[in-house]
C-alpha atoms as a PDB file:
ATOM      1  CA  MET A   1      -5.678 -32.481 -17.161  1.00  0.00           C
ATOM      2  CA  ASN A   2      -2.274 -30.785 -17.182  1.00  0.00           C
ATOM      3  CA  LYS A   3      -1.730 -27.862 -14.845  1.00  0.00           C
ATOM      4  CA  TRP A   4      -1.088 -24.486 -16.447  1.00  0.00           C
ATOM      5  CA  TYR A   5       2.437 -24.266 -15.004  1.00  0.00           C
ATOM      6  CA  ILE A   6       3.633 -27.341 -16.916  1.00  0.00           C
ATOM      7  CA  GLU A   7       3.413 -25.311 -20.116  1.00  0.00           C
ATOM      8  CA  LYS A   8       6.055 -22.998 -21.557  1.00  0.00           C
ATOM      9  CA  GLY A   9       4.596 -19.722 -22.706  1.00  0.00           C
ATOM     10  CA  ASP A  10       5.830 -16.713 -24.648  1.00  0.00           C
ATOM     11  CA  GLN A  11       9.218 -15.393 -23.427  1.00  0.00           C
ATOM     12  CA  GLY A  12       9.346 -18.536 -21.292  1.00  0.00           C
ATOM     13  CA  ASP A  13      13.103 -18.451 -20.839  1.00  0.00           C
ATOM     14  CA  ILE A  14      12.677 -15.435 -18.516  1.00  0.00           C
ATOM     15  CA  VAL A  15       8.948 -15.220 -17.717  1.00  0.00           C
ATOM     16  CA  LEU A  16       7.527 -18.171 -15.817  1.00  0.00           C
ATOM     17  CA  SER A  17       3.990 -16.906 -15.468  1.00  0.00           C
ATOM     18  CA  THR A  18       1.448 -14.118 -15.780  1.00  0.00           C
ATOM     19  CA  ARG A  19      -1.261 -13.399 -13.227  1.00  0.00           C
ATOM     20  CA  ILE A  20      -4.281 -11.114 -13.365  1.00  0.00           C
ATOM     21  CA  ARG A  21      -6.131 -10.551 -10.085  1.00  0.00           C
ATOM     22  CA  LEU A  22      -9.368  -8.606  -9.682  1.00  0.00           C
ATOM     23  CA  ALA A  23     -10.828  -7.543  -6.321  1.00  0.00           C
ATOM     24  CA  ARG A  24     -14.592  -7.216  -6.188  1.00  0.00           C
ATOM     25  CA  ASN A  25     -17.332  -6.730  -3.593  1.00  0.00           C
ATOM     26  CA  LEU A  26     -21.062  -7.284  -3.787  1.00  0.00           C
ATOM     27  CA  ASN A  27     -23.157  -4.157  -3.519  1.00  0.00           C
ATOM     28  CA  ASP A  28     -25.725  -5.681  -1.147  1.00  0.00           C
ATOM     29  CA  TYR A  29     -23.334  -6.956   1.534  1.00  0.00           C
ATOM     30  CA  PRO A  30     -20.812  -5.343   3.915  1.00  0.00           C
ATOM     31  CA  PHE A  31     -17.113  -6.011   3.330  1.00  0.00           C
ATOM     32  CA  PRO A  32     -15.944  -9.379   4.736  1.00  0.00           C
ATOM     33  CA  ALA A  33     -14.385  -7.662   7.767  1.00  0.00           C
ATOM     34  CA  ARG A  34     -17.903  -6.624   8.795  1.00  0.00           C
ATOM     35  CA  LEU A  35     -19.544  -9.983   8.111  1.00  0.00           C
ATOM     36  CA  ASP A  36     -20.099 -12.722  10.687  1.00  0.00           C
ATOM     37  CA  ALA A  37     -19.584 -16.398   9.868  1.00  0.00           C
ATOM     38  CA  LYS A  38     -23.146 -16.813   8.607  1.00  0.00           C
ATOM     39  CA  GLY A  39     -22.857 -13.743   6.383  1.00  0.00           C
ATOM     40  CA  ARG A  40     -19.609 -14.985   4.855  1.00  0.00           C
ATOM     41  CA  GLN A  41     -21.161 -18.365   4.159  1.00  0.00           C
ATOM     42  CA  THR A  42     -24.091 -16.653   2.450  1.00  0.00           C
ATOM     43  CA  VAL A  43     -21.772 -14.675   0.174  1.00  0.00           C
ATOM     44  CA  ASN A  44     -19.634 -17.727  -0.581  1.00  0.00           C
ATOM     45  CA  GLU A  45     -22.598 -19.861  -1.551  1.00  0.00           C
ATOM     46  CA  LEU A  46     -24.158 -17.061  -3.585  1.00  0.00           C
ATOM     47  CA  VAL A  47     -21.030 -16.617  -5.713  1.00  0.00           C
ATOM     48  CA  ARG A  48     -20.601 -20.394  -5.973  1.00  0.00           C
ATOM     49  CA  ASP A  49     -24.148 -21.018  -7.162  1.00  0.00           C
ATOM     50  CA  VAL A  50     -24.010 -18.262  -9.775  1.00  0.00           C
ATOM     51  CA  LEU A  51     -20.661 -19.371 -11.170  1.00  0.00           C
ATOM     52  CA  LEU A  52     -21.478 -23.072 -11.307  1.00  0.00           C
ATOM     53  CA  LYS A  53     -24.586 -22.320 -13.367  1.00  0.00           C
ATOM     54  CA  GLY A  54     -22.647 -20.278 -15.912  1.00  0.00           C
ATOM     55  CA  ASP A  55     -20.536 -21.274 -18.897  1.00  0.00           C
ATOM     56  CA  THR A  56     -17.262 -19.686 -17.767  1.00  0.00           C
ATOM     57  CA  GLY A  57     -15.544 -22.970 -16.902  1.00  0.00           C
ATOM     58  CA  THR A  58     -15.816 -25.986 -14.637  1.00  0.00           C
ATOM     59  CA  PHE A  59     -14.996 -25.122 -11.043  1.00  0.00           C
ATOM     60  CA  GLY A  60     -14.523 -27.137  -7.908  1.00  0.00           C
ATOM     61  CA  TYR A  61     -15.654 -25.615  -4.603  1.00  0.00           C
ATOM     62  CA  ILE A  62     -13.399 -25.943  -1.565  1.00  0.00           C
ATOM     63  CA  GLN A  63     -14.263 -24.936   1.981  1.00  0.00           C
ATOM     64  CA  MET A  64     -10.943 -23.754   3.392  1.00  0.00           C
ATOM     65  CA  SER A  65     -11.850 -25.106   6.833  1.00  0.00           C
ATOM     66  CA  ALA A  66     -11.923 -28.608   5.315  1.00  0.00           C
ATOM     67  CA  LEU A  67      -8.234 -28.464   4.351  1.00  0.00           C
ATOM     68  CA  SER A  68      -5.250 -29.369   6.466  1.00  0.00           C
ATOM     69  CA  ARG A  69      -2.680 -26.681   7.192  1.00  0.00           C
ATOM     70  CA  ALA A  70      -0.292 -28.269   4.664  1.00  0.00           C
ATOM     71  CA  GLN A  71      -2.977 -28.397   1.964  1.00  0.00           C
ATOM     72  CA  ALA A  72      -3.844 -24.727   2.491  1.00  0.00           C
ATOM     73  CA  VAL A  73      -0.226 -23.539   2.454  1.00  0.00           C
ATOM     74  CA  SER A  74       0.432 -25.689  -0.621  1.00  0.00           C
ATOM     75  CA  LEU A  75      -2.224 -23.673  -2.451  1.00  0.00           C
ATOM     76  CA  ALA A  76      -0.332 -20.501  -1.506  1.00  0.00           C
ATOM     77  CA  GLU A  77       2.958 -22.042  -2.663  1.00  0.00           C
ATOM     78  CA  ARG A  78       1.319 -22.642  -6.035  1.00  0.00           C
ATOM     79  CA  HIS A  79       0.163 -18.987  -6.079  1.00  0.00           C
ATOM     80  CA  LEU A  80      -3.494 -20.038  -6.143  1.00  0.00           C
ATOM     81  CA  ILE A  81      -4.320 -18.166  -2.941  1.00  0.00           C
ATOM     82  CA  SER A  82      -2.597 -15.538  -0.833  1.00  0.00           C
ATOM     83  CA  PRO A  83      -0.568 -16.559   2.241  1.00  0.00           C
ATOM     84  CA  GLU A  84      -3.008 -14.544   4.358  1.00  0.00           C
ATOM     85  CA  PHE A  85      -5.959 -16.467   2.919  1.00  0.00           C
ATOM     86  CA  ALA A  86      -4.241 -19.731   3.827  1.00  0.00           C
ATOM     87  CA  SER A  87      -3.644 -18.650   7.417  1.00  0.00           C
ATOM     88  CA  HIS A  88      -7.281 -17.980   8.347  1.00  0.00           C
ATOM     89  CA  ALA A  89      -9.728 -20.603   7.092  1.00  0.00           C
ATOM     90  CA  GLU A  90     -12.950 -19.685   8.888  1.00  0.00           C
ATOM     91  CA  GLY A  91     -15.660 -18.350   6.604  1.00  0.00           C
ATOM     92  CA  ARG A  92     -13.519 -18.648   3.497  1.00  0.00           C
ATOM     93  CA  ALA A  93     -13.880 -20.770   0.362  1.00  0.00           C
ATOM     94  CA  LEU A  94     -12.112 -21.283  -2.948  1.00  0.00           C
ATOM     95  CA  LEU A  95     -13.392 -21.886  -6.456  1.00  0.00           C
ATOM     96  CA  LEU A  96     -10.737 -23.587  -8.586  1.00  0.00           C
ATOM     97  CA  THR A  97     -10.565 -24.984 -12.111  1.00  0.00           C
ATOM     98  CA  GLU A  98      -8.998 -28.400 -12.654  1.00  0.00           C
ATOM     99  CA  ASP A  99      -5.973 -26.985 -14.493  1.00  0.00           C
ATOM    100  CA  GLU A 100      -5.558 -24.411 -11.676  1.00  0.00           C
ATOM    101  CA  ALA A 101      -5.520 -21.577 -14.219  1.00  0.00           C
ATOM    102  CA  VAL A 102      -8.466 -19.815 -12.556  1.00  0.00           C
ATOM    103  CA  SER A 103      -8.923 -19.472  -8.818  1.00  0.00           C
ATOM    104  CA  ILE A 104     -11.426 -17.343  -6.930  1.00  0.00           C
ATOM    105  CA  MET A 105     -10.879 -16.592  -3.246  1.00  0.00           C
ATOM    106  CA  LEU A 106     -14.145 -15.911  -1.461  1.00  0.00           C
ATOM    107  CA  CYS A 107     -14.284 -13.622   1.578  1.00  0.00           C
ATOM    108  CA  GLU A 108     -10.615 -12.826   1.846  1.00  0.00           C
ATOM    109  CA  GLU A 109     -10.072  -9.059   2.180  1.00  0.00           C
ATOM    110  CA  ASP A 110     -12.845  -8.607  -0.389  1.00  0.00           C
ATOM    111  CA  HIS A 111     -15.843 -10.771  -1.245  1.00  0.00           C
ATOM    112  CA  ILE A 112     -14.221 -11.934  -4.483  1.00  0.00           C
ATOM    113  CA  ARG A 113     -10.554 -12.176  -5.461  1.00  0.00           C
ATOM    114  CA  LEU A 114     -10.601 -13.539  -8.998  1.00  0.00           C
ATOM    115  CA  GLN A 115      -7.273 -14.503 -10.513  1.00  0.00           C
ATOM    116  CA  VAL A 116      -6.187 -16.029 -13.800  1.00  0.00           C
ATOM    117  CA  MET A 117      -2.752 -17.603 -14.307  1.00  0.00           C
ATOM    118  CA  LYS A 118      -1.040 -18.222 -17.651  1.00  0.00           C
ATOM    119  CA  ALA A 119       2.378 -19.606 -18.538  1.00  0.00           C
ATOM    120  CA  GLY A 120       4.901 -17.117 -19.917  1.00  0.00           C
ATOM    121  CA  LEU A 121       4.107 -13.519 -20.832  1.00  0.00           C
ATOM    122  CA  ALA A 122       0.373 -13.437 -21.544  1.00  0.00           C
ATOM    123  CA  LEU A 123      -1.018 -10.296 -19.922  1.00  0.00           C
ATOM    124  CA  HIS A 124      -3.774  -9.534 -22.391  1.00  0.00           C
ATOM    125  CA  GLU A 125      -4.821 -13.175 -22.801  1.00  0.00           C
ATOM    126  CA  ALA A 126      -5.064 -13.625 -19.027  1.00  0.00           C
ATOM    127  CA  TYR A 127      -6.967 -10.354 -18.663  1.00  0.00           C
ATOM    128  CA  ASP A 128      -9.481 -11.312 -21.362  1.00  0.00           C
ATOM    129  CA  MET A 129     -10.240 -14.550 -19.542  1.00  0.00           C
ATOM    130  CA  ALA A 130     -10.566 -12.771 -16.198  1.00  0.00           C
ATOM    131  CA  ASP A 131     -12.754 -10.074 -17.751  1.00  0.00           C
ATOM    132  CA  LYS A 132     -15.151 -12.659 -19.186  1.00  0.00           C
ATOM    133  CA  ILE A 133     -15.682 -14.304 -15.798  1.00  0.00           C
ATOM    134  CA  ASP A 134     -15.808 -10.934 -14.054  1.00  0.00           C
ATOM    135  CA  SER A 135     -18.465  -9.558 -16.413  1.00  0.00           C
ATOM    136  CA  PHE A 136     -20.614 -12.638 -15.964  1.00  0.00           C
ATOM    137  CA  LEU A 137     -20.460 -12.409 -12.174  1.00  0.00           C
ATOM    138  CA  ASP A 138     -21.232  -8.686 -12.229  1.00  0.00           C
ATOM    139  CA  SER A 139     -24.287  -9.269 -14.417  1.00  0.00           C
ATOM    140  CA  LYS A 140     -25.692 -11.668 -11.824  1.00  0.00           C
ATOM    141  CA  LEU A 141     -24.386 -10.306  -8.513  1.00  0.00           C
ATOM    142  CA  HIS A 142     -23.979  -6.531  -9.042  1.00  0.00           C
ATOM    143  CA  TYR A 143     -20.666  -5.199  -7.770  1.00  0.00           C
ATOM    144  CA  ALA A 144     -20.092  -2.248  -5.487  1.00  0.00           C
ATOM    145  CA  PHE A 145     -18.987   0.450  -7.928  1.00  0.00           C
ATOM    146  CA  ASP A 146     -18.713   4.232  -7.908  1.00  0.00           C
ATOM    147  CA  GLU A 147     -18.599   6.231 -11.138  1.00  0.00           C
ATOM    148  CA  ARG A 148     -15.895   8.520  -9.736  1.00  0.00           C
ATOM    149  CA  ILE A 149     -13.523   6.117  -7.927  1.00  0.00           C
ATOM    150  CA  GLY A 150     -14.314   2.798  -9.584  1.00  0.00           C
ATOM    151  CA  TYR A 151     -14.638  -0.549  -7.831  1.00  0.00           C
ATOM    152  CA  LEU A 152     -15.054  -0.236  -4.065  1.00  0.00           C
ATOM    153  CA  THR A 153     -12.590  -2.345  -2.094  1.00  0.00           C
ATOM    154  CA  GLN A 154     -11.614  -2.909   1.525  1.00  0.00           C
ATOM    155  CA  CYS A 155      -8.117  -1.499   0.935  1.00  0.00           C
ATOM    156  CA  PRO A 156      -8.059   2.018  -0.555  1.00  0.00           C
ATOM    157  CA  THR A 157      -4.944   1.189  -2.594  1.00  0.00           C
ATOM    158  CA  ASN A 158      -7.096  -1.078  -4.784  1.00  0.00           C
ATOM    159  CA  LEU A 159      -9.737   1.522  -5.646  1.00  0.00           C
ATOM    160  CA  GLY A 160     -10.264   2.196  -9.330  1.00  0.00           C
ATOM    161  CA  THR A 161      -9.675  -0.825 -11.521  1.00  0.00           C
ATOM    162  CA  ALA A 162      -8.965  -3.009  -8.449  1.00  0.00           C
ATOM    163  CA  MET A 163      -6.677  -4.959 -10.769  1.00  0.00           C
ATOM    164  CA  ARG A 164      -3.238  -6.304  -9.938  1.00  0.00           C
ATOM    165  CA  ALA A 165      -1.367  -7.643 -12.932  1.00  0.00           C
ATOM    166  CA  SER A 166       1.959  -9.360 -12.402  1.00  0.00           C
ATOM    167  CA  VAL A 167       4.597 -11.433 -14.122  1.00  0.00           C
ATOM    168  CA  MET A 168       6.996 -13.908 -12.495  1.00  0.00           C
ATOM    169  CA  LEU A 169      10.524 -13.349 -13.759  1.00  0.00           C
ATOM    170  CA  HIS A 170      13.660 -15.470 -13.480  1.00  0.00           C
ATOM    171  CA  LEU A 171      16.564 -12.992 -13.284  1.00  0.00           C
ATOM    172  CA  PRO A 172      19.719 -14.902 -12.294  1.00  0.00           C
ATOM    173  CA  ALA A 173      22.199 -12.732 -14.224  1.00  0.00           C
ATOM    174  CA  LEU A 174      20.805  -9.388 -13.060  1.00  0.00           C
ATOM    175  CA  THR A 175      20.725 -10.759  -9.517  1.00  0.00           C
ATOM    176  CA  ARG A 176      24.374 -11.808  -9.702  1.00  0.00           C
ATOM    177  CA  LEU A 177      25.299  -8.375 -11.052  1.00  0.00           C
ATOM    178  CA  GLY A 178      23.538  -6.664  -8.136  1.00  0.00           C
ATOM    179  CA  GLN A 179      21.129  -4.825 -10.439  1.00  0.00           C
ATOM    180  CA  ILE A 180      17.803  -5.658  -8.762  1.00  0.00           C
ATOM    181  CA  SER A 181      17.824  -2.701  -6.339  1.00  0.00           C
ATOM    182  CA  ARG A 182      18.477  -0.317  -9.220  1.00  0.00           C
ATOM    183  CA  LEU A 183      15.682  -1.892 -11.242  1.00  0.00           C
ATOM    184  CA  ALA A 184      13.293  -1.674  -8.297  1.00  0.00           C
ATOM    185  CA  ALA A 185      13.988   2.045  -7.942  1.00  0.00           C
ATOM    186  CA  THR A 186      13.501   2.594 -11.671  1.00  0.00           C
ATOM    187  CA  VAL A 187      10.237   0.675 -12.072  1.00  0.00           C
ATOM    188  CA  SER A 188       8.726   2.348  -8.982  1.00  0.00           C
ATOM    189  CA  LYS A 189       8.895   5.657 -10.870  1.00  0.00           C
ATOM    190  CA  LEU A 190       6.893   4.009 -13.648  1.00  0.00           C
ATOM    191  CA  GLY A 191       4.053   2.805 -11.439  1.00  0.00           C
ATOM    192  CA  LEU A 192       5.361  -0.727 -10.928  1.00  0.00           C
ATOM    193  CA  THR A 193       6.909  -2.680  -8.076  1.00  0.00           C
ATOM    194  CA  ILE A 194       9.272  -5.644  -7.991  1.00  0.00           C
ATOM    195  CA  ARG A 195       9.142  -8.088  -5.073  1.00  0.00           C
ATOM    196  CA  GLY A 196       9.980 -11.630  -4.115  1.00  0.00           C
ATOM    197  CA  ALA A 197       8.106 -14.522  -5.681  1.00  0.00           C
ATOM    198  CA  TYR A 198       5.328 -14.489  -3.047  1.00  0.00           C
ATOM    199  CA  GLY A 199       4.610 -10.773  -3.205  1.00  0.00           C
ATOM    200  CA  GLU A 200       4.764  -8.121  -0.511  1.00  0.00           C
ATOM    201  CA  GLY A 201       7.154  -8.910   2.318  1.00  0.00           C
ATOM    202  CA  SER A 202       8.709 -11.932   0.625  1.00  0.00           C
ATOM    203  CA  GLY A 203      12.340 -12.270  -0.381  1.00  0.00           C
ATOM    204  CA  PRO A 204      13.569 -13.666  -3.688  1.00  0.00           C
ATOM    205  CA  LYS A 205      14.202 -17.403  -3.838  1.00  0.00           C
ATOM    206  CA  GLY A 206      15.865 -18.971  -6.832  1.00  0.00           C
ATOM    207  CA  CYS A 207      16.242 -15.501  -8.420  1.00  0.00           C
ATOM    208  CA  LEU A 208      12.457 -15.360  -8.946  1.00  0.00           C
ATOM    209  CA  TYR A 209      10.771 -11.965  -8.793  1.00  0.00           C
ATOM    210  CA  GLN A 210       7.229 -10.675  -9.147  1.00  0.00           C
ATOM    211  CA  LEU A 211       6.807  -7.501 -11.191  1.00  0.00           C
ATOM    212  CA  SER A 212       3.383  -5.887 -10.843  1.00  0.00           C
ATOM    213  CA  ASN A 213       1.429  -2.663 -11.255  1.00  0.00           C
ATOM    214  CA  GLN A 214       0.967  -0.360  -8.273  1.00  0.00           C
ATOM    215  CA  ILE A 215      -1.474   2.178  -9.658  1.00  0.00           C
ATOM    216  CA  THR A 216      -5.165   1.258  -9.932  1.00  0.00           C
ATOM    217  CA  LEU A 217      -6.851   4.678  -9.701  1.00  0.00           C
ATOM    218  CA  GLY A 218      -7.020   7.057 -12.652  1.00  0.00           C
ATOM    219  CA  ILE A 219      -5.815   4.510 -15.211  1.00  0.00           C
ATOM    220  CA  THR A 220      -7.592   1.969 -17.397  1.00  0.00           C
ATOM    221  CA  GLU A 221      -6.914  -1.743 -17.244  1.00  0.00           C
ATOM    222  CA  ARG A 222      -5.530  -1.745 -20.780  1.00  0.00           C
ATOM    223  CA  ALA A 223      -3.157   1.130 -20.055  1.00  0.00           C
ATOM    224  CA  ALA A 224      -1.868  -0.638 -16.947  1.00  0.00           C
ATOM    225  CA  LEU A 225      -1.332  -3.847 -18.925  1.00  0.00           C
ATOM    226  CA  ASP A 226       0.459  -2.041 -21.751  1.00  0.00           C
ATOM    227  CA  ASN A 227       2.782  -0.333 -19.265  1.00  0.00           C
ATOM    228  CA  LEU A 228       3.609  -3.599 -17.511  1.00  0.00           C
ATOM    229  CA  GLN A 229       4.119  -5.360 -20.859  1.00  0.00           C
ATOM    230  CA  ALA A 230       6.554  -2.699 -22.087  1.00  0.00           C
ATOM    231  CA  ILE A 231       8.636  -2.682 -18.904  1.00  0.00           C
ATOM    232  CA  THR A 232       8.659  -6.492 -18.766  1.00  0.00           C
ATOM    233  CA  LEU A 233      10.028  -6.706 -22.311  1.00  0.00           C
ATOM    234  CA  GLN A 234      12.782  -4.248 -21.389  1.00  0.00           C
ATOM    235  CA  MET A 235      13.744  -6.331 -18.365  1.00  0.00           C
ATOM    236  CA  ILE A 236      13.726  -9.504 -20.473  1.00  0.00           C
ATOM    237  CA  ASN A 237      16.179  -7.926 -22.890  1.00  0.00           C
ATOM    238  CA  GLN A 238      18.419  -6.733 -20.053  1.00  0.00           C
ATOM    239  CA  GLU A 239      18.471 -10.197 -18.472  1.00  0.00           C
ATOM    240  CA  ARG A 240      19.252 -11.908 -21.775  1.00  0.00           C
ATOM    241  CA  GLU A 241      22.140  -9.549 -22.486  1.00  0.00           C
ATOM    242  CA  ALA A 242      23.474 -10.029 -18.956  1.00  0.00           C
ATOM    243  CA  GLN A 243      23.250 -13.805 -19.345  1.00  0.00           C
ATOM    244  CA  LYS A 244      25.177 -13.744 -22.623  1.00  0.00           C
ATOM    245  CA  ALA A 245      27.982 -11.751 -21.039  1.00  0.00           C
ATOM    246  CA  MET A 246      28.058 -13.833 -17.866  1.00  0.00           C
ATOM    247  CA  LEU A 247      28.071 -17.207 -19.632  1.00  0.00           C
ATOM    248  CA  LYS A 248      31.164 -16.363 -21.661  1.00  0.00           C
ATOM    249  CA  ALA A 249      33.187 -17.276 -18.571  1.00  0.00           C
ATOM    250  CA  PRO A 250      33.952 -21.043 -18.461  1.00  0.00           C
ATOM    251  CA  GLU A 251      33.379 -21.161 -14.696  1.00  0.00           C
ATOM    252  CA  GLU A 252      29.749 -20.120 -15.177  1.00  0.00           C
ATOM    253  CA  GLU A 253      29.007 -23.108 -17.419  1.00  0.00           C
ATOM    254  CA  ASP A 254      30.842 -25.266 -14.885  1.00  0.00           C
ATOM    255  CA  LYS A 255      28.470 -24.019 -12.153  1.00  0.00           C
ATOM    256  CA  ILE A 256      25.512 -25.100 -14.264  1.00  0.00           C
ATOM    257  CA  TRP A 257      26.827 -28.647 -14.750  1.00  0.00           C
ATOM    258  CA  ARG A 258      27.770 -28.918 -11.070  1.00  0.00           C
ATOM    259  CA  ALA A 259      24.280 -27.806 -10.051  1.00  0.00           C
ATOM    260  CA  LEU A 260      22.741 -30.472 -12.275  1.00  0.00           C
ATOM    261  CA  GLY A 261      25.099 -33.074 -10.826  1.00  0.00           C
ATOM    262  CA  ILE A 262      24.065 -32.237  -7.266  1.00  0.00           C
ATOM    263  CA  LEU A 263      20.363 -32.327  -8.111  1.00  0.00           C
ATOM    264  CA  ARG A 264      20.794 -35.711  -9.801  1.00  0.00           C
ATOM    265  CA  SER A 265      22.709 -37.276  -6.928  1.00  0.00           C
ATOM    266  CA  ALA A 266      21.880 -35.514  -3.640  1.00  0.00           C
ATOM    267  CA  ARG A 267      20.173 -37.515  -0.904  1.00  0.00           C
ATOM    268  CA  LEU A 268      19.157 -34.425   1.096  1.00  0.00           C
ATOM    269  CA  LEU A 269      18.005 -31.117  -0.375  1.00  0.00           C
ATOM    270  CA  SER A 270      16.760 -28.236   1.743  1.00  0.00           C
ATOM    271  CA  GLY A 271      14.223 -25.917   0.183  1.00  0.00           C
ATOM    272  CA  ASP A 272      16.681 -23.022  -0.135  1.00  0.00           C
ATOM    273  CA  GLU A 273      19.439 -25.189  -1.619  1.00  0.00           C
ATOM    274  CA  PHE A 274      17.017 -26.729  -4.085  1.00  0.00           C
ATOM    275  CA  MET A 275      15.790 -23.334  -5.269  1.00  0.00           C
ATOM    276  CA  GLU A 276      19.339 -22.068  -5.754  1.00  0.00           C
ATOM    277  CA  LEU A 277      20.380 -25.147  -7.731  1.00  0.00           C
ATOM    278  CA  ALA A 278      17.138 -25.246  -9.734  1.00  0.00           C
ATOM    279  CA  SER A 279      17.678 -21.600 -10.671  1.00  0.00           C
ATOM    280  CA  THR A 280      21.162 -22.401 -11.975  1.00  0.00           C
ATOM    281  CA  VAL A 281      19.927 -25.421 -13.952  1.00  0.00           C
ATOM    282  CA  ARG A 282      17.048 -23.362 -15.334  1.00  0.00           C
ATOM    283  CA  LEU A 283      19.590 -20.808 -16.558  1.00  0.00           C
ATOM    284  CA  GLY A 284      21.486 -23.624 -18.278  1.00  0.00           C
ATOM    285  CA  SER A 285      18.296 -24.864 -19.892  1.00  0.00           C
ATOM    286  CA  ALA A 286      17.268 -21.393 -21.085  1.00  0.00           C
ATOM    287  CA  ALA A 287      20.762 -20.785 -22.509  1.00  0.00           C
ATOM    288  CA  GLY A 288      20.767 -24.088 -24.401  1.00  0.00           C
ATOM    289  CA  ILE A 289      23.652 -25.506 -22.360  1.00  0.00           C
ATOM    290  CA  LEU A 290      21.469 -28.279 -20.935  1.00  0.00           C
ATOM    291  CA  ASP A 291      18.948 -30.267 -22.945  1.00  0.00           C
ATOM    292  CA  ILE A 292      16.353 -30.179 -20.187  1.00  0.00           C
ATOM    293  CA  LYS A 293      12.933 -28.699 -20.814  1.00  0.00           C
ATOM    294  CA  LEU A 294      12.108 -25.499 -18.958  1.00  0.00           C
ATOM    295  CA  GLU A 295       8.707 -27.013 -18.214  1.00  0.00           C
ATOM    296  CA  THR A 296      10.444 -29.779 -16.243  1.00  0.00           C
ATOM    297  CA  ILE A 297      12.260 -27.270 -14.041  1.00  0.00           C
ATOM    298  CA  ASN A 298       9.148 -25.111 -13.644  1.00  0.00           C
ATOM    299  CA  GLU A 299       7.138 -28.102 -12.482  1.00  0.00           C
ATOM    300  CA  LEU A 300       9.846 -29.124 -10.015  1.00  0.00           C
ATOM    301  CA  ILE A 301       9.930 -25.610  -8.554  1.00  0.00           C
ATOM    302  CA  VAL A 302       6.197 -25.840  -7.876  1.00  0.00           C
ATOM    303  CA  ASN A 303       6.069 -29.420  -6.624  1.00  0.00           C
ATOM    304  CA  MET A 304       9.117 -29.375  -4.333  1.00  0.00           C
ATOM    305  CA  GLN A 305       7.944 -26.610  -1.988  1.00  0.00           C
ATOM    306  CA  PRO A 306       7.702 -27.652   1.714  1.00  0.00           C
ATOM    307  CA  ALA A 307       3.948 -27.646   2.296  1.00  0.00           C
ATOM    308  CA  THR A 308       3.296 -29.148  -1.138  1.00  0.00           C
ATOM    309  CA  ILE A 309       5.532 -32.081  -0.219  1.00  0.00           C
ATOM    310  CA  ASN A 310       3.744 -32.495   3.118  1.00  0.00           C
ATOM    311  CA  ALA A 311       0.348 -32.336   1.425  1.00  0.00           C
ATOM    312  CA  ARG A 312       1.393 -34.949  -1.124  1.00  0.00           C
ATOM    313  CA  GLU A 313       2.741 -37.240   1.616  1.00  0.00           C
ATOM    314  CA  GLY A 314      -0.390 -36.728   3.705  1.00  0.00           C
ATOM    315  CA  ARG A 315       1.499 -35.818   6.890  1.00  0.00           C
ATOM    316  CA  ASN A 316       3.830 -33.214   8.351  1.00  0.00           C
ATOM    317  CA  LEU A 317       7.376 -34.387   7.764  1.00  0.00           C
ATOM    318  CA  GLY A 318      10.375 -33.380   9.816  1.00  0.00           C
ATOM    319  CA  ALA A 319      12.939 -31.181   8.053  1.00  0.00           C
ATOM    320  CA  ASN A 320      15.415 -34.018   7.302  1.00  0.00           C
ATOM    321  CA  GLU A 321      12.684 -36.371   6.167  1.00  0.00           C
ATOM    322  CA  ARG A 322      11.204 -33.715   3.902  1.00  0.00           C
ATOM    323  CA  ASP A 323      14.649 -32.915   2.489  1.00  0.00           C
ATOM    324  CA  ALA A 324      15.112 -36.604   1.695  1.00  0.00           C
ATOM    325  CA  VAL A 325      11.728 -36.811  -0.029  1.00  0.00           C
ATOM    326  CA  ARG A 326      12.544 -33.693  -2.032  1.00  0.00           C
ATOM    327  CA  ALA A 327      15.927 -35.066  -3.115  1.00  0.00           C
ATOM    328  CA  ALA A 328      14.386 -38.384  -4.149  1.00  0.00           C
ATOM    329  CA  GLY A 329      11.667 -36.632  -6.146  1.00  0.00           C
ATOM    330  CA  VAL A 330      14.162 -34.424  -7.947  1.00  0.00           C
ATOM    331  CA  ARG A 331      16.402 -37.396  -8.784  1.00  0.00           C
ATOM    332  CA  GLU A 332      13.438 -39.304 -10.167  1.00  0.00           C
ATOM    333  CA  VAL A 333      12.410 -36.490 -12.489  1.00  0.00           C
ATOM    334  CA  LEU A 334      15.912 -35.585 -13.691  1.00  0.00           C
ATOM    335  CA  LYS A 335      17.212 -39.101 -14.285  1.00  0.00           C
ATOM    336  CA  GLU A 336      15.066 -39.312 -17.415  1.00  0.00           C
ATOM    337  CA  ALA A 337      16.151 -35.910 -18.747  1.00  0.00           C
ATOM    338  CA  ALA A 338      18.692 -36.128 -21.554  1.00  0.00           C
ATOM    339  CA  VAL A 339      21.755 -33.895 -21.512  1.00  0.00           C
END
């Protein structure tokens, strides 16, 4: 089965992906921070057994303690779990669909962190899928909920809907123009935040940014989604206009072809260099300068991350060895792409 990120969704030239994440806790159990190992295992198995008996999809169950460090971090690189979840395996488990569109972290900060991923801009579609699974779990497990402040969560900033909706944006032109700081200040006044690709505390790599809602209390899920959708569409239009202006210069098209040439011939590619070059080639693809599918670049961006390479190789590679494997993998994929 193809992974969700191999697809190209709506507004796919700018928006790589949409994610909906819901934080939930069971009414009959303390928050994970107050649970011992046995209590966490009980919660994990309870959620697992309920979900596997339902009709909300086919899930695999993964004990995080059974994974190598590289395998765990690779899941975080693919945005299936949080970096924090990957760093502490004890008492934690993951429910994951085969296409990796739905992942459920068990006993992270909250008992349940349910997330749905979709290609492109698909906020309402992703929410509907998450809501279906969420409603089924609530009917069987009974969430901790207060009529006044909504879903009860470990972190007070999640109270209310306990929903974080986000879109992954590729903004090379706005980045080059130095507009990201201005955009960040503007969207913060509208209840949103813009961060690096891996969320809070992460820097942008390959001109990838995560735009998400900040407010969860005193607002409905639909209102939060509509707000994020409207601001995302504005940013898409700004990026497209900036790209048109930027690409009028012959040297910008030259940069795109040079980036493709390096990716097709390099014998060593560090992670940072790869992301920079892949971003430039992705811009060329989106602008119609290169006849390379966006899905091809998107898949490379996912598969050529450090821990994902180590997990695929089954061992921890040294930096030079990993850079060589990355370069070889990129050459193999791009040699078949027509230009």
